[in-house]
PDB file of N, CA and C in Angstrom:
ATOM      1  N   UNK A   1      -5.339  -9.476  28.029  1.00  0.00           N
ATOM      2  CA  UNK A   1      -4.472 -10.396  27.278  1.00  0.00           C
ATOM      3  C   UNK A   1      -3.477  -9.503  26.740  1.00  0.00           C
ATOM      4  N   UNK A   2      -2.203 -10.350  26.824  1.00  0.00           N
ATOM      5  CA  UNK A   2      -1.001  -9.721  26.688  1.00  0.00           C
ATOM      6  C   UNK A   2      -0.696  -9.518  25.052  1.00  0.00           C
ATOM      7  N   UNK A   3      -0.208  -8.588  24.341  1.00  0.00           N
ATOM      8  CA  UNK A   3      -0.146  -8.458  23.116  1.00  0.00           C
ATOM      9  C   UNK A   3       1.411  -8.342  22.780  1.00  0.00           C
ATOM     10  N   UNK A   4       2.157  -9.385  22.157  1.00  0.00           N
ATOM     11  CA  UNK A   4       3.383  -9.492  21.870  1.00  0.00           C
ATOM     12  C   UNK A   4       3.596  -9.789  20.407  1.00  0.00           C
ATOM     13  N   UNK A   5       4.550  -8.926  19.866  1.00  0.00           N
ATOM     14  CA  UNK A   5       4.963  -9.128  18.523  1.00  0.00           C
ATOM     15  C   UNK A   5       6.597  -9.290  18.363  1.00  0.00           C
ATOM     16  N   UNK A   6       6.786 -10.233  17.399  1.00  0.00           N
ATOM     17  CA  UNK A   6       8.315 -10.519  17.328  1.00  0.00           C
ATOM     18  C   UNK A   6       8.961  -9.285  16.734  1.00  0.00           C
ATOM     19  N   UNK A   7       9.947  -8.957  17.437  1.00  0.00           N
ATOM     20  CA  UNK A   7      10.749  -7.666  17.018  1.00  0.00           C
ATOM     21  C   UNK A   7      11.752  -7.782  15.826  1.00  0.00           C
ATOM     22  N   UNK A   8      11.747  -9.153  15.177  1.00  0.00           N
ATOM     23  CA  UNK A   8      12.410  -9.272  14.039  1.00  0.00           C
ATOM     24  C   UNK A   8      11.469  -9.446  12.635  1.00  0.00           C
ATOM     25  N   UNK A   9      10.695 -10.258  12.921  1.00  0.00           N
ATOM     26  CA  UNK A   9       9.810 -10.397  11.882  1.00  0.00           C
ATOM     27  C   UNK A   9       8.492  -9.627  11.782  1.00  0.00           C
ATOM     28  N   UNK A  10       8.038  -9.175  13.030  1.00  0.00           N
ATOM     29  CA  UNK A  10       6.675  -8.568  13.245  1.00  0.00           C
ATOM     30  C   UNK A  10       5.244  -9.514  13.424  1.00  0.00           C
ATOM     31  N   UNK A  11       5.863 -10.788  13.593  1.00  0.00           N
ATOM     32  CA  UNK A  11       4.445 -11.706  13.517  1.00  0.00           C
ATOM     33  C   UNK A  11       4.227 -11.519  15.159  1.00  0.00           C
ATOM     34  N   UNK A  12       2.586 -11.622  14.996  1.00  0.00           N
ATOM     35  CA  UNK A  12       2.159 -11.602  16.434  1.00  0.00           C
ATOM     36  C   UNK A  12       2.218 -12.949  16.943  1.00  0.00           C
ATOM     37  N   UNK A  13       2.679 -12.749  18.287  1.00  0.00           N
ATOM     38  CA  UNK A  13       2.913 -13.874  19.049  1.00  0.00           C
ATOM     39  C   UNK A  13       1.626 -13.992  20.200  1.00  0.00           C
ATOM     40  N   UNK A  14       1.166 -15.347  20.245  1.00  0.00           N
ATOM     41  CA  UNK A  14      -0.110 -15.417  21.348  1.00  0.00           C
ATOM     42  C   UNK A  14       0.277 -16.465  22.417  1.00  0.00           C
ATOM     43  N   UNK A  15       0.650 -15.798  23.248  1.00  0.00           N
ATOM     44  CA  UNK A  15       1.261 -16.864  24.497  1.00  0.00           C
ATOM     45  C   UNK A  15      -0.079 -17.468  25.093  1.00  0.00           C
ATOM     46  N   UNK A  16      -0.463 -18.543  25.546  1.00  0.00           N
ATOM     47  CA  UNK A  16       0.622 -19.644  25.691  1.00  0.00           C
ATOM     48  C   UNK A  16       0.737 -20.642  24.247  1.00  0.00           C
ATOM     49  N   UNK A  17      -0.102 -20.380  23.394  1.00  0.00           N
ATOM     50  CA  UNK A  17      -0.298 -21.203  22.293  1.00  0.00           C
ATOM     51  C   UNK A  17       1.163 -21.143  21.384  1.00  0.00           C
ATOM     52  N   UNK A  18       1.704 -19.752  21.131  1.00  0.00           N
ATOM     53  CA  UNK A  18       3.026 -19.513  20.607  1.00  0.00           C
ATOM     54  C   UNK A  18       4.212 -19.712  21.426  1.00  0.00           C
ATOM     55  N   UNK A  19       5.260 -20.111  20.816  1.00  0.00           N
ATOM     56  CA  UNK A  19       6.191 -20.007  22.032  1.00  0.00           C
ATOM     57  C   UNK A  19       6.893 -18.723  21.793  1.00  0.00           C
ATOM     58  N   UNK A  20       7.279 -18.061  23.073  1.00  0.00           N
ATOM     59  CA  UNK A  20       7.574 -16.699  23.091  1.00  0.00           C
ATOM     60  C   UNK A  20       9.006 -16.745  23.537  1.00  0.00           C
ATOM     61  N   UNK A  21       9.991 -16.048  23.111  1.00  0.00           N
ATOM     62  CA  UNK A  21      11.497 -16.076  23.873  1.00  0.00           C
ATOM     63  C   UNK A  21      11.709 -14.518  23.969  1.00  0.00           C
ATOM     64  N   UNK A  22      12.619 -14.487  24.881  1.00  0.00           N
ATOM     65  CA  UNK A  22      13.202 -12.840  25.426  1.00  0.00           C
ATOM     66  C   UNK A  22      14.516 -12.894  25.209  1.00  0.00           C
ATOM     67  N   UNK A  23      15.082 -11.968  24.753  1.00  0.00           N
ATOM     68  CA  UNK A  23      16.508 -11.828  24.403  1.00  0.00           C
ATOM     69  C   UNK A  23      16.920 -10.598  25.118  1.00  0.00           C
ATOM     70  N   UNK A  24      17.791 -10.518  26.145  1.00  0.00           N
ATOM     71  CA  UNK A  24      18.087  -9.493  26.959  1.00  0.00           C
ATOM     72  C   UNK A  24      19.913  -9.297  26.440  1.00  0.00           C
ATOM     73  N   UNK A  25      20.370  -8.077  26.414  1.00  0.00           N
ATOM     74  CA  UNK A  25      21.613  -7.817  26.020  1.00  0.00           C
ATOM     75  C   UNK A  25      21.965  -6.516  26.688  1.00  0.00           C
ATOM     76  N   UNK A  26      23.342  -6.463  27.120  1.00  0.00           N
ATOM     77  CA  UNK A  26      23.931  -5.494  27.821  1.00  0.00           C
ATOM     78  C   UNK A  26      25.256  -5.111  26.930  1.00  0.00           C
ATOM     79  N   UNK A  27      25.542  -3.760  26.883  1.00  0.00           N
ATOM     80  CA  UNK A  27      26.635  -3.435  26.219  1.00  0.00           C
ATOM     81  C   UNK A  27      27.396  -2.368  26.932  1.00  0.00           C
ATOM     82  N   UNK A  28      28.655  -2.682  27.298  1.00  0.00           N
ATOM     83  CA  UNK A  28      29.407  -1.720  28.126  1.00  0.00           C
ATOM     84  C   UNK A  28      30.842  -1.836  27.980  1.00  0.00           C
ATOM     85  N   UNK A  29      31.556  -0.919  28.184  1.00  0.00           N
ATOM     86  CA  UNK A  29      33.111  -0.952  27.899  1.00  0.00           C
ATOM     87  C   UNK A  29      33.623  -1.775  28.638  1.00  0.00           C
ATOM     88  N   UNK A  30      34.764  -2.698  27.963  1.00  0.00           N
ATOM     89  CA  UNK A  30      35.484  -3.458  28.666  1.00  0.00           C
ATOM     90  C   UNK A  30      36.482  -3.023  29.852  1.00  0.00           C
ATOM     91  N   UNK A  31      36.669  -3.665  30.722  1.00  0.00           N
ATOM     92  CA  UNK A  31      37.856  -3.483  31.494  1.00  0.00           C
ATOM     93  C   UNK A  31      38.360  -4.334  32.035  1.00  0.00           C
ATOM     94  N   UNK A  32      39.678  -4.633  32.000  1.00  0.00           N
ATOM     95  CA  UNK A  32      40.483  -5.518  32.614  1.00  0.00           C
ATOM     96  C   UNK A  32      41.305  -5.124  33.940  1.00  0.00           C
ATOM     97  N   UNK A  33      40.839  -5.479  35.075  1.00  0.00           N
ATOM     98  CA  UNK A  33      41.594  -4.857  36.398  1.00  0.00           C
ATOM     99  C   UNK A  33      42.875  -5.513  36.253  1.00  0.00           C
ATOM    100  N   UNK A  34      43.236  -6.313  35.699  1.00  0.00           N
ATOM    101  CA  UNK A  34      44.460  -7.037  35.795  1.00  0.00           C
ATOM    102  C   UNK A  34      45.597  -6.147  35.118  1.00  0.00           C
ATOM    103  N   UNK A  35      45.161  -5.110  34.175  1.00  0.00           N
ATOM    104  CA  UNK A  35      46.130  -4.190  33.456  1.00  0.00           C
ATOM    105  C   UNK A  35      46.363  -2.936  34.416  1.00  0.00           C
ATOM    106  N   UNK A  36      46.374  -2.925  35.767  1.00  0.00           N
ATOM    107  CA  UNK A  36      46.580  -1.598  36.522  1.00  0.00           C
ATOM    108  C   UNK A  36      47.989  -1.564  36.460  1.00  0.00           C
ATOM    109  N   UNK A  37      48.658  -0.536  36.228  1.00  0.00           N
ATOM    110  CA  UNK A  37      50.126  -0.187  36.454  1.00  0.00           C
ATOM    111  C   UNK A  37      50.340   0.654  37.597  1.00  0.00           C
ATOM    112  N   UNK A  38      51.730   0.703  37.734  1.00  0.00           N
ATOM    113  CA  UNK A  38      52.127   2.036  38.563  1.00  0.00           C
ATOM    114  C   UNK A  38      51.357   3.194  38.267  1.00  0.00           C
ATOM    115  N   UNK A  39      51.480   3.458  36.801  1.00  0.00           N
ATOM    116  CA  UNK A  39      51.057   4.966  36.688  1.00  0.00           C
ATOM    117  C   UNK A  39      49.628   5.317  36.791  1.00  0.00           C
ATOM    118  N   UNK A  40      48.839   3.991  36.654  1.00  0.00           N
ATOM    119  CA  UNK A  40      47.430   4.222  37.295  1.00  0.00           C
ATOM    120  C   UNK A  40      47.220   4.547  38.797  1.00  0.00           C
ATOM    121  N   UNK A  41      48.285   4.084  39.410  1.00  0.00           N
ATOM    122  CA  UNK A  41      48.379   4.262  40.978  1.00  0.00           C
ATOM    123  C   UNK A  41      48.333   5.868  41.208  1.00  0.00           C
ATOM    124  N   UNK A  42      49.380   6.340  40.447  1.00  0.00           N
ATOM    125  CA  UNK A  42      49.990   7.540  40.684  1.00  0.00           C
ATOM    126  C   UNK A  42      49.166   8.493  40.190  1.00  0.00           C
ATOM    127  N   UNK A  43      48.103   8.331  39.218  1.00  0.00           N
ATOM    128  CA  UNK A  43      47.307   9.275  38.721  1.00  0.00           C
ATOM    129  C   UNK A  43      46.258   9.917  39.718  1.00  0.00           C
ATOM    130  N   UNK A  44      45.911  11.417  39.443  1.00  0.00           N
ATOM    131  CA  UNK A  44      45.408  12.105  40.385  1.00  0.00           C
ATOM    132  C   UNK A  44      43.964  11.721  39.771  1.00  0.00           C
ATOM    133  N   UNK A  45      42.890  10.731  40.420  1.00  0.00           N
ATOM    134  CA  UNK A  45      41.550  10.341  39.847  1.00  0.00           C
ATOM    135  C   UNK A  45      40.877  11.566  39.944  1.00  0.00           C
ATOM    136  N   UNK A  46      40.945  12.488  40.813  1.00  0.00           N
ATOM    137  CA  UNK A  46      39.833  13.400  41.033  1.00  0.00           C
ATOM    138  C   UNK A  46      40.024  14.545  39.636  1.00  0.00           C
ATOM    139  N   UNK A  47      41.270  14.446  39.418  1.00  0.00           N
ATOM    140  CA  UNK A  47      41.511  15.267  38.383  1.00  0.00           C
ATOM    141  C   UNK A  47      40.802  14.825  37.041  1.00  0.00           C
ATOM    142  N   UNK A  48      41.153  13.328  36.783  1.00  0.00           N
ATOM    143  CA  UNK A  48      40.622  12.687  35.763  1.00  0.00           C
ATOM    144  C   UNK A  48      38.833  12.710  35.813  1.00  0.00           C
ATOM    145  N   UNK A  49      38.292  12.659  36.767  1.00  0.00           N
ATOM    146  CA  UNK A  49      37.093  12.674  36.845  1.00  0.00           C
ATOM    147  C   UNK A  49      36.406  13.927  36.332  1.00  0.00           C
ATOM    148  N   UNK A  50      36.952  14.950  36.851  1.00  0.00           N
ATOM    149  CA  UNK A  50      36.907  16.513  36.706  1.00  0.00           C
ATOM    150  C   UNK A  50      36.826  16.790  35.099  1.00  0.00           C
ATOM    151  N   UNK A  51      37.916  16.184  34.476  1.00  0.00           N
ATOM    152  CA  UNK A  51      38.099  16.388  33.143  1.00  0.00           C
ATOM    153  C   UNK A  51      36.962  15.874  32.461  1.00  0.00           C
ATOM    154  N   UNK A  52      36.678  14.404  32.811  1.00  0.00           N
ATOM    155  CA  UNK A  52      35.738  13.708  32.090  1.00  0.00           C
ATOM    156  C   UNK A  52      34.236  14.437  32.067  1.00  0.00           C
ATOM    157  N   UNK A  53      34.037  14.984  33.468  1.00  0.00           N
ATOM    158  CA  UNK A  53      32.745  15.817  33.517  1.00  0.00           C
ATOM    159  C   UNK A  53      32.657  16.921  32.706  1.00  0.00           C
ATOM    160  N   UNK A  54      33.729  17.560  32.352  1.00  0.00           N
ATOM    161  CA  UNK A  54      33.792  18.818  31.546  1.00  0.00           C
ATOM    162  C   UNK A  54      33.648  18.428  30.194  1.00  0.00           C
ATOM    163  N   UNK A  55      34.277  17.357  29.890  1.00  0.00           N
ATOM    164  CA  UNK A  55      34.044  16.725  28.384  1.00  0.00           C
ATOM    165  C   UNK A  55      32.544  16.310  28.319  1.00  0.00           C
ATOM    166  N   UNK A  56      31.631  15.696  29.147  1.00  0.00           N
ATOM    167  CA  UNK A  56      30.779  15.336  29.144  1.00  0.00           C
ATOM    168  C   UNK A  56      29.566  16.744  28.895  1.00  0.00           C
ATOM    169  N   UNK A  57      29.950  17.639  29.603  1.00  0.00           N
ATOM    170  CA  UNK A  57      29.314  19.181  29.484  1.00  0.00           C
ATOM    171  C   UNK A  57      29.522  19.536  28.177  1.00  0.00           C
ATOM    172  N   UNK A  58      30.358  19.455  27.499  1.00  0.00           N
ATOM    173  CA  UNK A  58      30.726  19.974  26.203  1.00  0.00           C
ATOM    174  C   UNK A  58      29.763  19.409  24.992  1.00  0.00           C
ATOM    175  N   UNK A  59      29.415  18.303  25.469  1.00  0.00           N
ATOM    176  CA  UNK A  59      28.609  17.548  24.226  1.00  0.00           C
ATOM    177  C   UNK A  59      27.323  18.348  24.156  1.00  0.00           C
ATOM    178  N   UNK A  60      27.359  18.929  22.912  1.00  0.00           N
ATOM    179  CA  UNK A  60      26.115  19.601  22.556  1.00  0.00           C
ATOM    180  C   UNK A  60      24.902  18.760  22.214  1.00  0.00           C
ATOM    181  N   UNK A  61      25.114  17.679  21.546  1.00  0.00           N
ATOM    182  CA  UNK A  61      24.017  16.824  21.172  1.00  0.00           C
ATOM    183  C   UNK A  61      24.233  15.509  21.961  1.00  0.00           C
ATOM    184  N   UNK A  62      23.425  15.158  23.035  1.00  0.00           N
ATOM    185  CA  UNK A  62      23.687  14.088  23.626  1.00  0.00           C
ATOM    186  C   UNK A  62      23.045  12.807  22.900  1.00  0.00           C
ATOM    187  N   UNK A  63      22.390  12.858  21.781  1.00  0.00           N
ATOM    188  CA  UNK A  63      22.012  11.860  21.321  1.00  0.00           C
ATOM    189  C   UNK A  63      23.291  11.305  20.497  1.00  0.00           C
ATOM    190  N   UNK A  64      24.111  12.089  20.090  1.00  0.00           N
ATOM    191  CA  UNK A  64      25.397  11.759  19.188  1.00  0.00           C
ATOM    192  C   UNK A  64      26.695  11.200  20.111  1.00  0.00           C
ATOM    193  N   UNK A  65      26.269  11.378  21.373  1.00  0.00           N
ATOM    194  CA  UNK A  65      27.514  10.733  22.334  1.00  0.00           C
ATOM    195  C   UNK A  65      27.196   9.218  22.499  1.00  0.00           C
ATOM    196  N   UNK A  66      28.288   8.278  22.397  1.00  0.00           N
ATOM    197  CA  UNK A  66      28.105   7.198  22.485  1.00  0.00           C
ATOM    198  C   UNK A  66      27.762   6.813  24.024  1.00  0.00           C
ATOM    199  N   UNK A  67      26.754   6.009  24.292  1.00  0.00           N
ATOM    200  CA  UNK A  67      26.696   5.511  25.752  1.00  0.00           C
ATOM    201  C   UNK A  67      27.617   4.163  26.080  1.00  0.00           C
ATOM    202  N   UNK A  68      27.887   4.882  27.251  1.00  0.00           N
ATOM    203  CA  UNK A  68      28.750   3.733  28.063  1.00  0.00           C
ATOM    204  C   UNK A  68      28.292   2.584  28.316  1.00  0.00           C
ATOM    205  N   UNK A  69      26.987   2.783  28.553  1.00  0.00           N
ATOM    206  CA  UNK A  69      26.037   1.411  28.912  1.00  0.00           C
ATOM    207  C   UNK A  69      24.671   1.294  28.368  1.00  0.00           C
ATOM    208  N   UNK A  70      24.399   0.249  27.795  1.00  0.00           N
ATOM    209  CA  UNK A  70      23.073   0.071  27.103  1.00  0.00           C
ATOM    210  C   UNK A  70      22.389  -1.202  27.252  1.00  0.00           C
ATOM    211  N   UNK A  71      21.117  -1.285  27.945  1.00  0.00           N
ATOM    212  CA  UNK A  71      20.381  -2.441  27.927  1.00  0.00           C
ATOM    213  C   UNK A  71      19.464  -2.630  26.734  1.00  0.00           C
ATOM    214  N   UNK A  72      19.302  -3.780  26.130  1.00  0.00           N
ATOM    215  CA  UNK A  72      18.211  -4.225  24.996  1.00  0.00           C
ATOM    216  C   UNK A  72      17.411  -5.255  25.696  1.00  0.00           C
ATOM    217  N   UNK A  73      16.162  -5.302  25.199  1.00  0.00           N
ATOM    218  CA  UNK A  73      15.169  -6.260  25.395  1.00  0.00           C
ATOM    219  C   UNK A  73      14.539  -6.620  24.100  1.00  0.00           C
ATOM    220  N   UNK A  74      14.358  -7.893  23.529  1.00  0.00           N
ATOM    221  CA  UNK A  74      13.832  -8.078  22.350  1.00  0.00           C
ATOM    222  C   UNK A  74      12.823  -9.508  22.500  1.00  0.00           C
ATOM    223  N   UNK A  75      11.670  -9.444  21.695  1.00  0.00           N
ATOM    224  CA  UNK A  75      10.645 -10.496  21.998  1.00  0.00           C
ATOM    225  C   UNK A  75      10.964 -11.092  20.547  1.00  0.00           C
ATOM    226  N   UNK A  76      11.213 -12.477  20.645  1.00  0.00           N
ATOM    227  CA  UNK A  76      11.069 -13.245  19.491  1.00  0.00           C
ATOM    228  C   UNK A  76      10.224 -14.409  19.123  1.00  0.00           C
ATOM    229  N   UNK A  77       9.685 -14.831  18.052  1.00  0.00           N
ATOM    230  CA  UNK A  77       8.821 -15.865  17.771  1.00  0.00           C
ATOM    231  C   UNK A  77       9.880 -17.140  17.769  1.00  0.00           C
ATOM    232  N   UNK A  78       9.374 -18.221  17.658  1.00  0.00           N
ATOM    233  CA  UNK A  78      10.385 -19.339  17.621  1.00  0.00           C
ATOM    234  C   UNK A  78      11.117 -19.475  16.428  1.00  0.00           C
ATOM    235  N   UNK A  79      10.649 -19.208  15.260  1.00  0.00           N
ATOM    236  CA  UNK A  79      11.441 -19.187  14.175  1.00  0.00           C
ATOM    237  C   UNK A  79      12.663 -18.281  14.270  1.00  0.00           C
ATOM    238  N   UNK A  80      12.251 -16.911  14.784  1.00  0.00           N
ATOM    239  CA  UNK A  80      13.438 -15.946  14.916  1.00  0.00           C
ATOM    240  C   UNK A  80      14.395 -16.369  15.967  1.00  0.00           C
ATOM    241  N   UNK A  81      13.950 -17.217  16.803  1.00  0.00           N
ATOM    242  CA  UNK A  81      14.932 -17.722  18.109  1.00  0.00           C
ATOM    243  C   UNK A  81      15.757 -18.531  17.582  1.00  0.00           C
ATOM    244  N   UNK A  82      15.357 -19.602  16.757  1.00  0.00           N
ATOM    245  CA  UNK A  82      16.327 -20.341  16.303  1.00  0.00           C
ATOM    246  C   UNK A  82      17.199 -19.701  15.227  1.00  0.00           C
ATOM    247  N   UNK A  83      16.977 -18.648  14.424  1.00  0.00           N
ATOM    248  CA  UNK A  83      17.775 -18.005  13.644  1.00  0.00           C
ATOM    249  C   UNK A  83      18.957 -17.248  14.490  1.00  0.00           C
ATOM    250  N   UNK A  84      18.353 -16.756  15.558  1.00  0.00           N
ATOM    251  CA  UNK A  84      19.204 -16.204  16.458  1.00  0.00           C
ATOM    252  C   UNK A  84      20.257 -16.751  17.181  1.00  0.00           C
ATOM    253  N   UNK A  85      19.827 -17.792  17.807  1.00  0.00           N
ATOM    254  CA  UNK A  85      20.647 -18.886  18.337  1.00  0.00           C
ATOM    255  C   UNK A  85      21.856 -19.144  17.453  1.00  0.00           C
ATOM    256  N   UNK A  86      21.535 -19.547  16.222  1.00  0.00           N
ATOM    257  CA  UNK A  86      22.475 -19.882  15.367  1.00  0.00           C
ATOM    258  C   UNK A  86      23.289 -19.114  14.853  1.00  0.00           C
ATOM    259  N   UNK A  87      22.989 -17.670  14.612  1.00  0.00           N
ATOM    260  CA  UNK A  87      23.963 -16.551  14.228  1.00  0.00           C
ATOM    261  C   UNK A  87      23.577 -15.359  14.930  1.00  0.00           C
ATOM    262  N   UNK A  88      23.902 -15.213  16.392  1.00  0.00           N
ATOM    263  CA  UNK A  88      23.506 -13.983  16.914  1.00  0.00           C
ATOM    264  C   UNK A  88      23.998 -12.680  16.456  1.00  0.00           C
ATOM    265  N   UNK A  89      25.187 -12.686  15.725  1.00  0.00           N
ATOM    266  CA  UNK A  89      25.891 -11.391  15.363  1.00  0.00           C
ATOM    267  C   UNK A  89      25.448 -11.034  13.979  1.00  0.00           C
ATOM    268  N   UNK A  90      24.388 -12.207  13.249  1.00  0.00           N
ATOM    269  CA  UNK A  90      24.108 -11.931  11.892  1.00  0.00           C
ATOM    270  C   UNK A  90      25.299 -12.034  11.008  1.00  0.00           C
ATOM    271  N   UNK A  91      26.587 -12.810  11.165  1.00  0.00           N
ATOM    272  CA  UNK A  91      27.591 -12.849  10.246  1.00  0.00           C
ATOM    273  C   UNK A  91      27.238 -13.501   9.013  1.00  0.00           C
ATOM    274  N   UNK A  92      26.616 -14.556   9.181  1.00  0.00           N
ATOM    275  CA  UNK A  92      26.345 -15.493   8.127  1.00  0.00           C
ATOM    276  C   UNK A  92      25.386 -14.874   6.979  1.00  0.00           C
ATOM    277  N   UNK A  93      24.224 -14.209   7.635  1.00  0.00           N
ATOM    278  CA  UNK A  93      23.292 -13.360   6.780  1.00  0.00           C
ATOM    279  C   UNK A  93      24.104 -12.387   6.034  1.00  0.00           C
ATOM    280  N   UNK A  94      25.038 -11.465   6.413  1.00  0.00           N
ATOM    281  CA  UNK A  94      25.840 -10.572   5.921  1.00  0.00           C
ATOM    282  C   UNK A  94      26.388 -11.049   4.676  1.00  0.00           C
ATOM    283  N   UNK A  95      26.955 -12.367   4.976  1.00  0.00           N
ATOM    284  CA  UNK A  95      27.725 -12.961   3.821  1.00  0.00           C
ATOM    285  C   UNK A  95      26.806 -13.202   2.531  1.00  0.00           C
ATOM    286  N   UNK A  96      25.538 -13.446   2.902  1.00  0.00           N
ATOM    287  CA  UNK A  96      24.608 -13.993   1.789  1.00  0.00           C
ATOM    288  C   UNK A  96      24.080 -12.969   0.896  1.00  0.00           C
ATOM    289  N   UNK A  97      24.249 -11.825   1.517  1.00  0.00           N
ATOM    290  CA  UNK A  97      23.875 -10.518   0.625  1.00  0.00           C
ATOM    291  C   UNK A  97      24.999 -10.045  -0.354  1.00  0.00           C
ATOM    292  N   UNK A  98      24.675 -10.185  -1.512  1.00  0.00           N
ATOM    293  CA  UNK A  98      25.520  -9.773  -2.769  1.00  0.00           C
ATOM    294  C   UNK A  98      25.064  -8.285  -3.122  1.00  0.00           C
ATOM    295  N   UNK A  99      25.657  -7.167  -3.058  1.00  0.00           N
ATOM    296  CA  UNK A  99      25.604  -6.111  -3.599  1.00  0.00           C
ATOM    297  C   UNK A  99      26.302  -5.699  -4.702  1.00  0.00           C
ATOM    298  N   UNK A 100      25.686  -5.067  -5.705  1.00  0.00           N
ATOM    299  CA  UNK A 100      26.345  -4.497  -7.036  1.00  0.00           C
ATOM    300  C   UNK A 100      27.371  -3.488  -6.477  1.00  0.00           C
ATOM    301  N   UNK A 101      28.371  -3.242  -7.325  1.00  0.00           N
ATOM    302  CA  UNK A 101      29.474  -2.448  -7.187  1.00  0.00           C
ATOM    303  C   UNK A 101      29.030  -1.004  -8.171  1.00  0.00           C
ATOM    304  N   UNK A 102      28.005  -0.626  -8.050  1.00  0.00           N
ATOM    305  CA  UNK A 102      27.844   0.618  -8.967  1.00  0.00           C
ATOM    306  C   UNK A 102      27.995   1.809  -8.494  1.00  0.00           C
TER     307      UNK A 102
END
């Protein structure tokens, strides 16, 4: 039997009795190909790639380097799914939090 736990509230989900939702996200650097200029075409791309590779080698701690591409997968229960659909970036939740200024 498959064991699934909600990644937000940690509630155990027992399919097929409980509704089970999967959220998949991809994060990557945006690129607009319509912004190619004459300078881009004149650039030495091999030199740019060599420079990028050297910079990557200089990173001492790879855990602190910002990944260029990342995939996420989350399992959600029905209640957390409704909350996520309503506010996927948690903007409203952050506005409700009142922190003291000490």
